[in-house]
Amino acid sequence: IDFHSIFFSIIGKSMATAADVPEDVTAEFSVRLYHQLQITGGEENIIFSPLSVALALGMVELGARGASLEEIRQAVGYNEEFSLLSNLTQALSTDEEQYVVRLANSLFLQTGVHFNEDFLQLMKKYFKAEVETVDFIKLSSK
């Protein structure tokens, strides 16, 4: 599985350059993730989206600090800001290209828990994520 090759074939080399996507990091993350899923899944078939996983980790990274932030960056394999994933999201969603990938991001937060307003605004800005509050405690008791 080479996500980066698929990425290039979908959006074209010039768009990928504009998104400034590091080829080896993206491919390496995809392969490492595949191998980990293969280990835990045994003989089961595996279907996953490295992009979706990377975007979810990027969203978490946006609110992470300290050791958590370092662990996320180590897992994905880069030390740059989340803007890399934001650029990739925007590049994939640009209507100017022949192929467009529509991404839908949402952030579901526990009702009654306070989250930093700057974090919520950055989620909307960089990941175009809808922010919803949900009572997970009440839902889990059903």
Protein backbone atom coordinates (compact mmCIF):
# COMPACT_ATOMS: atom_id res chain seq x y z
CA ILE A 1 0.00 0.00 0.00
CA ASP A 2 1.53 3.28 -1.09
CA PHE A 3 -0.83 6.08 -0.14
CA HIS A 4 1.47 8.71 -1.58
CA SER A 5 1.39 7.15 -5.07
CA ILE A 6 -2.38 7.05 -4.95
CA PHE A 7 -2.38 10.64 -3.69
CA PHE A 8 -0.24 11.79 -6.63
CA SER A 9 -2.38 9.96 -9.17
CA ILE A 10 -5.52 11.58 -7.79
CA ILE A 11 -4.46 15.20 -7.48
CA GLY A 12 -1.43 15.52 -9.71
CA LYS A 13 2.16 16.38 -8.94
CA SER A 14 1.74 20.17 -9.01
CA MET A 15 -1.05 20.11 -6.45
CA ALA A 16 0.92 17.82 -4.15
CA THR A 17 3.91 20.16 -4.36
CA ALA A 18 1.64 23.04 -3.43
CA ALA A 19 0.44 21.09 -0.41
CA ASP A 20 4.08 20.46 0.56
CA VAL A 21 3.45 16.83 1.46
CA PRO A 22 6.60 14.97 2.53
CA GLU A 23 6.56 11.81 0.42
CA ASP A 24 8.56 9.45 2.65
CA VAL A 25 6.76 10.47 5.84
CA THR A 26 3.30 9.93 4.37
CA ALA A 27 4.21 6.59 2.82
CA GLU A 28 6.09 5.44 5.92
CA PHE A 29 3.15 6.31 8.18
CA SER A 30 0.77 4.42 5.89
CA VAL A 31 2.95 1.30 5.84
CA ARG A 32 3.57 1.34 9.61
CA LEU A 33 -0.14 1.74 10.25
CA TYR A 34 -0.97 -1.10 7.85
CA HIS A 35 1.50 -3.44 9.57
CA GLN A 36 0.13 -2.57 13.00
CA LEU A 37 -3.44 -3.20 11.85
CA GLN A 38 -2.33 -6.46 10.26
CA ILE A 39 -0.78 -7.62 13.55
CA THR A 40 -3.92 -6.84 15.55
CA GLY A 41 -6.34 -8.03 12.85
CA GLY A 42 -4.81 -11.44 12.27
CA GLU A 43 -6.23 -13.06 9.15
CA GLU A 44 -8.99 -10.48 8.71
CA ASN A 45 -9.15 -8.28 5.62
CA ILE A 46 -8.00 -4.73 6.29
CA ILE A 47 -9.49 -1.61 4.77
CA PHE A 48 -8.47 1.76 6.17
CA SER A 49 -7.76 5.30 5.11
CA PRO A 50 -4.31 6.56 6.11
CA LEU A 51 -5.51 10.07 5.29
CA SER A 52 -8.47 9.79 7.67
CA VAL A 53 -6.28 8.43 10.45
CA ALA A 54 -3.67 11.16 9.88
CA LEU A 55 -6.36 13.86 9.87
CA ALA A 56 -7.87 12.54 13.10
CA LEU A 57 -4.42 12.55 14.71
CA GLY A 58 -3.85 16.06 13.34
CA MET A 59 -7.05 17.23 15.02
CA VAL A 60 -5.96 15.69 18.30
CA GLU A 61 -2.50 17.21 17.81
CA LEU A 62 -4.07 20.64 17.57
CA GLY A 63 -5.18 20.44 21.20
CA ALA A 64 -2.27 18.39 22.54
CA ARG A 65 0.66 19.73 24.53
CA GLY A 66 3.86 18.35 26.06
CA ALA A 67 4.37 14.58 26.05
CA SER A 68 1.05 13.92 24.28
CA LEU A 69 2.01 16.24 21.44
CA GLU A 70 5.40 14.56 21.06
CA GLU A 71 3.83 11.08 21.05
CA ILE A 72 1.37 12.04 18.32
CA ARG A 73 4.11 13.56 16.18
CA GLN A 74 6.28 10.50 16.72
CA ALA A 75 3.42 8.19 15.72
CA VAL A 76 2.76 10.10 12.52
CA GLY A 77 6.48 10.56 11.89
CA TYR A 78 6.90 14.31 11.55
CA ASN A 79 7.73 17.23 13.78
CA GLU A 80 5.88 19.92 11.89
CA GLU A 81 2.73 21.73 12.87
CA PHE A 82 -0.72 20.47 11.95
CA SER A 83 -0.70 22.94 9.04
CA LEU A 84 0.75 20.14 6.89
CA LEU A 85 -2.51 18.21 7.22
CA SER A 86 -4.52 21.37 6.78
CA ASN A 87 -2.70 22.08 3.50
CA LEU A 88 -3.32 18.52 2.38
CA THR A 89 -7.02 18.77 3.25
CA GLN A 90 -7.35 21.99 1.28
CA ALA A 91 -5.42 20.59 -1.69
CA LEU A 92 -7.62 17.51 -1.88
CA SER A 93 -10.80 19.57 -1.63
CA THR A 94 -9.96 22.19 -4.28
CA ASP A 95 -12.60 22.23 -7.03
CA GLU A 96 -10.06 23.47 -9.60
CA GLU A 97 -8.62 20.00 -10.19
CA GLN A 98 -10.06 17.15 -12.23
CA TYR A 99 -10.58 14.97 -9.15
CA VAL A 100 -11.87 16.29 -5.85
CA VAL A 101 -12.04 14.43 -2.56
CA ARG A 102 -14.83 15.60 -0.27
CA LEU A 103 -13.82 15.36 3.37
CA ALA A 104 -16.23 15.64 6.27
CA ASN A 105 -14.66 16.32 9.65
CA SER A 106 -16.53 16.62 12.92
CA LEU A 107 -15.51 16.99 16.52
CA PHE A 108 -17.88 15.58 19.14
CA LEU A 109 -17.34 17.00 22.62
CA GLN A 110 -18.80 15.91 25.95
CA THR A 111 -21.67 18.18 26.97
CA GLY A 112 -20.73 20.37 29.91
CA VAL A 113 -16.95 20.10 29.43
CA HIS A 114 -15.22 23.40 28.66
CA PHE A 115 -12.85 23.51 25.68
CA ASN A 116 -10.54 26.37 24.80
CA GLU A 117 -12.34 28.61 22.30
CA ASP A 118 -9.13 29.15 20.31
CA PHE A 119 -8.85 25.37 19.86
CA LEU A 120 -12.43 25.16 18.58
CA GLN A 121 -11.87 28.03 16.15
CA LEU A 122 -8.65 26.45 14.85
CA MET A 123 -10.49 23.16 14.30
CA LYS A 124 -12.97 24.98 12.10
CA LYS A 125 -10.29 27.01 10.34
CA TYR A 126 -7.74 24.31 9.58
CA PHE A 127 -9.86 21.18 9.34
CA LYS A 128 -13.27 22.62 8.43
CA ALA A 129 -14.60 20.54 11.31
CA GLU A 130 -18.11 20.91 12.64
CA VAL A 131 -18.14 21.04 16.43
CA GLU A 132 -21.00 19.28 18.22
CA THR A 133 -21.68 18.61 21.89
CA VAL A 134 -22.98 15.18 22.92
CA ASP A 135 -23.80 13.64 26.28
CA PHE A 136 -21.68 10.49 25.94
CA ILE A 137 -22.35 9.50 29.55
CA LYS A 138 -26.11 9.40 29.04
CA LEU A 139 -25.75 7.64 25.68
CA SER A 140 -23.44 4.95 27.10
CA SER A 141 -25.95 4.06 29.83
CA LYS A 142 -28.58 3.05 27.25
